[in-house]
Amino acid sequence: MRIGLDFDNTLIEYGHIFRELAVEWNFVPATIAEDKAAVRAHVWEHFSDIEWQKLQAAVYGPEIGRGRFMEGAAEFIRLCRDKGVELVIVSHKSRYAAIDPGGTDLRQAALGWMESQGFFLPVCSGGFGFSPGEVFFESEREAKARRINSLGCDVFIDDLPEVLTHPVLDPAIERVLITNTPDECTGWNFAGPWAAITQHIFPDARN
């Protein structure tokens, strides 16, 4: 089995970084939730979209080191390794932020975070056993779908319905939506947080 994984908001979460940085930049009150949408709404209302873009570029770029694993994601990867499941990462990520062309390389920033978390260390050394050649970045959503197809993924896990319902994505691929609020919608085979996804894919796994 080969499972494909998205990166942003699937393996790494950013809500707390958006809140921390927006408070530091005096964009939001300290009482605001650790939630990207809440921070964005406040910045749009009280500042501008340009300021929001600057904040977003910082979070995905120089401040990505503050990022942390989505709850349950690391455990899922380790379980896959224990069971001999192949893993690849396919991310829809431009090289530079539109607001900061030629600035921080967002793909290198993401790879730097992965390296700091042990993605490229062998499993026997406590890492996650990826090679750099198993991580792919695409600038367009359609290119991401085609990459997933070309890699022969049996399952793909993403937080964006727009990816899982993309018309180019091979219908034979099992589409899994990561969300804390699963809805009764079409376009994917299963939806839930990492703990539920783990049980869905590995029903014999112990809690």
Protein backbone atom coordinates (compact mmCIF):
# COMPACT_ATOMS: atom_id res chain seq x y z
CA MET A 1 0.00 0.00 0.00
CA ARG A 2 1.15 3.53 -0.74
CA ILE A 3 -0.40 6.44 1.14
CA GLY A 4 0.00 10.05 0.03
CA LEU A 5 -0.02 12.84 2.60
CA ASP A 6 -0.64 16.54 2.23
CA PHE A 7 1.62 18.82 4.31
CA ASP A 8 0.02 22.12 5.37
CA ASN A 9 -2.73 21.65 7.98
CA THR A 10 -2.43 17.89 7.53
CA LEU A 11 0.96 17.08 9.01
CA ILE A 12 1.78 20.53 10.43
CA GLU A 13 -0.61 22.93 12.15
CA TYR A 14 -0.30 26.70 12.12
CA GLY A 15 -3.24 28.12 14.08
CA HIS A 16 -1.15 28.90 17.14
CA ILE A 17 1.55 30.59 15.02
CA PHE A 18 -1.00 32.86 13.33
CA ARG A 19 -2.29 33.89 16.75
CA GLU A 20 1.16 34.35 18.34
CA LEU A 21 2.56 36.36 15.45
CA ALA A 22 -0.56 38.49 15.00
CA VAL A 23 -0.46 39.38 18.70
CA GLU A 24 3.24 40.23 18.44
CA TRP A 25 2.52 42.46 15.43
CA ASN A 26 -0.38 44.13 17.29
CA PHE A 27 -2.88 42.95 14.72
CA VAL A 28 -5.18 41.11 17.14
CA PRO A 29 -5.98 41.05 20.87
CA ALA A 30 -4.35 38.36 22.99
CA THR A 31 -7.79 36.88 23.64
CA ILE A 32 -8.30 35.76 20.04
CA ALA A 33 -8.52 32.02 19.37
CA GLU A 34 -5.64 29.94 18.00
CA ASP A 35 -7.41 29.78 14.67
CA LYS A 36 -6.24 30.97 11.26
CA ALA A 37 -9.75 31.93 10.10
CA ALA A 38 -10.40 34.02 13.22
CA VAL A 39 -7.08 35.84 12.88
CA ARG A 40 -7.63 36.43 9.18
CA ALA A 41 -11.12 37.85 9.73
CA HIS A 42 -9.83 40.28 12.37
CA VAL A 43 -6.89 41.44 10.25
CA TRP A 44 -9.13 41.93 7.22
CA GLU A 45 -11.63 43.93 9.27
CA HIS A 46 -9.17 46.16 11.11
CA PHE A 47 -6.20 46.33 8.71
CA SER A 48 -6.01 45.08 5.13
CA ASP A 49 -5.51 42.06 2.94
CA ILE A 50 -1.93 43.20 2.32
CA GLU A 51 -1.17 42.95 6.04
CA TRP A 52 -2.78 39.52 6.10
CA GLN A 53 -0.60 38.39 3.20
CA LYS A 54 2.50 39.59 5.04
CA LEU A 55 1.45 37.66 8.12
CA GLN A 56 0.75 34.53 6.12
CA ALA A 57 4.10 34.75 4.32
CA ALA A 58 5.87 34.97 7.66
CA VAL A 59 4.02 31.97 9.11
CA TYR A 60 4.75 29.71 6.13
CA GLY A 61 8.28 31.06 5.76
CA PRO A 62 10.66 32.35 8.45
CA GLU A 63 8.33 31.51 11.36
CA ILE A 64 7.51 27.94 10.29
CA GLY A 65 9.85 26.65 12.98
CA ARG A 66 7.07 27.37 15.48
CA GLY A 67 4.89 24.81 13.72
CA ARG A 68 3.92 21.59 15.43
CA PHE A 69 2.61 18.23 14.35
CA MET A 70 -1.12 17.88 13.88
CA GLU A 71 -2.38 15.78 16.78
CA GLY A 72 -2.10 12.11 15.83
CA ALA A 73 -0.09 12.66 12.63
CA ALA A 74 3.27 11.48 13.99
CA GLU A 75 1.66 8.38 15.47
CA PHE A 76 0.03 7.60 12.13
CA ILE A 77 3.36 7.82 10.30
CA ARG A 78 5.04 5.56 12.83
CA LEU A 79 2.24 3.02 12.50
CA CYS A 80 2.62 3.07 8.72
CA ARG A 81 6.34 2.40 9.10
CA ASP A 82 5.64 -0.47 11.51
CA LYS A 83 3.28 -2.02 8.96
CA GLY A 84 5.55 -1.48 5.96
CA VAL A 85 3.25 1.02 4.26
CA GLU A 86 4.94 3.31 1.73
CA LEU A 87 4.47 7.04 2.28
CA VAL A 88 4.90 10.10 0.06
CA ILE A 89 4.18 13.76 0.73
CA VAL A 90 2.59 15.93 -1.96
CA SER A 91 2.05 19.60 -1.14
CA HIS A 92 0.44 22.44 -3.10
CA LYS A 93 2.99 25.12 -2.26
CA SER A 94 4.51 27.89 -4.35
CA ARG A 95 8.23 28.59 -3.97
CA TYR A 96 7.70 32.19 -2.87
CA ALA A 97 4.83 34.14 -1.34
CA ALA A 98 3.16 36.57 -3.74
CA ILE A 99 3.74 39.39 -1.27
CA ASP A 100 7.43 38.46 -0.95
CA PRO A 101 8.75 37.35 -4.38
CA GLY A 102 12.33 36.27 -4.15
CA GLY A 103 12.19 36.30 -0.35
CA THR A 104 11.96 33.20 1.83
CA ASP A 105 11.80 29.98 -0.17
CA LEU A 106 8.63 28.44 1.25
CA ARG A 107 9.47 24.96 0.01
CA GLN A 108 12.88 25.02 1.64
CA ALA A 109 11.25 26.34 4.81
CA ALA A 110 8.88 23.37 4.81
CA LEU A 111 11.75 20.94 4.22
CA GLY A 112 13.64 22.61 7.07
CA TRP A 113 10.74 21.98 9.42
CA MET A 114 10.54 18.36 8.32
CA GLU A 115 14.26 17.94 8.90
CA SER A 116 13.97 19.45 12.38
CA GLN A 117 11.22 16.95 13.21
CA GLY A 118 13.27 13.94 12.07
CA PHE A 119 11.45 13.23 8.81
CA PHE A 120 14.68 12.31 7.05
CA LEU A 121 16.22 10.25 9.84
CA PRO A 122 15.99 6.45 9.67
CA VAL A 123 13.23 4.86 11.68
CA CYS A 124 15.87 2.88 13.59
CA SER A 125 17.30 6.22 14.77
CA GLY A 126 13.93 7.53 15.95
CA GLY A 127 13.09 9.34 12.72
CA PHE A 128 10.24 8.96 10.25
CA GLY A 129 12.22 7.33 7.45
CA PHE A 130 11.47 9.65 4.52
CA SER A 131 13.94 10.44 1.78
CA PRO A 132 13.92 13.91 0.17
CA GLY A 133 12.83 12.22 -3.06
CA GLU A 134 9.55 11.23 -1.41
CA VAL A 135 8.51 14.86 -0.85
CA PHE A 136 6.92 16.78 -3.75
CA PHE A 137 5.79 20.39 -4.10
CA GLU A 138 3.49 21.58 -6.86
CA SER A 139 2.54 25.15 -7.75
CA GLU A 140 -0.94 24.34 -9.06
CA ARG A 141 -3.72 22.18 -7.65
CA GLU A 142 -4.13 20.28 -10.91
CA ALA A 143 -0.40 19.52 -10.95
CA LYS A 144 -0.75 18.20 -7.41
CA ALA A 145 -3.57 15.86 -8.47
CA ARG A 146 -1.52 14.61 -11.41
CA ARG A 147 1.48 14.03 -9.16
CA ILE A 148 -0.66 11.98 -6.77
CA ASN A 149 -1.85 9.89 -9.70
CA SER A 150 1.67 9.38 -11.07
CA LEU A 151 2.95 8.19 -7.70
CA GLY A 152 0.41 5.37 -7.64
CA CYS A 153 -1.14 6.32 -4.33
CA ASP A 154 -3.79 3.95 -3.03
CA VAL A 155 -4.92 6.51 -0.45
CA PHE A 156 -4.49 10.28 -0.24
CA ILE A 157 -5.09 12.31 2.92
CA ASP A 158 -5.69 16.05 2.70
CA ASP A 159 -7.46 18.81 4.62
CA LEU A 160 -8.87 20.45 1.49
CA PRO A 161 -12.01 19.07 -0.16
CA GLU A 162 -10.96 20.94 -3.33
CA VAL A 163 -8.03 18.55 -3.70
CA LEU A 164 -9.95 15.37 -2.96
CA THR A 165 -12.75 16.32 -5.35
CA HIS A 166 -10.47 17.54 -8.14
CA PRO A 167 -11.66 16.06 -11.47
CA VAL A 168 -8.12 15.07 -12.46
CA LEU A 169 -7.59 12.91 -9.36
CA ASP A 170 -7.83 9.20 -10.17
CA PRO A 171 -11.22 7.95 -8.89
CA ALA A 172 -9.58 4.68 -7.83
CA ILE A 173 -7.67 6.51 -5.09
CA GLU A 174 -9.29 6.37 -1.66
CA ARG A 175 -9.81 9.98 -0.64
CA VAL A 176 -9.57 10.79 3.07
CA LEU A 177 -10.40 14.24 4.46
CA ILE A 178 -8.73 15.28 7.68
CA THR A 179 -11.11 17.41 9.74
CA ASN A 180 -12.28 17.79 13.30
CA THR A 181 -15.83 18.41 12.06
CA PRO A 182 -16.67 15.65 9.57
CA ASP A 183 -19.75 16.36 7.48
CA GLU A 184 -22.04 14.21 5.40
CA CYS A 185 -20.68 15.27 2.01
CA THR A 186 -19.67 13.57 -1.20
CA GLY A 187 -16.28 13.56 -2.85
CA TRP A 188 -14.26 11.56 -0.34
CA ASN A 189 -14.41 8.12 1.21
CA PHE A 190 -13.84 9.04 4.84
CA ALA A 191 -13.54 12.18 6.98
CA GLY A 192 -12.31 12.71 10.51
CA PRO A 193 -9.34 13.66 12.71
CA TRP A 194 -6.12 11.66 12.69
CA ALA A 195 -7.25 9.24 15.39
CA ALA A 196 -10.34 8.28 13.40
CA ILE A 197 -8.38 8.09 10.15
CA THR A 198 -5.89 5.73 11.79
CA GLN A 199 -8.70 3.44 12.91
CA HIS A 200 -10.30 3.61 9.47
CA ILE A 201 -7.16 2.62 7.58
CA PHE A 202 -5.82 0.25 10.25
CA PRO A 203 -8.89 -1.18 12.02
CA ASP A 204 -6.71 -3.62 13.94
CA ALA A 205 -4.62 -0.80 15.46
CA ARG A 206 -4.85 -0.43 19.22
CA ASN A 207 -5.81 2.92 20.75
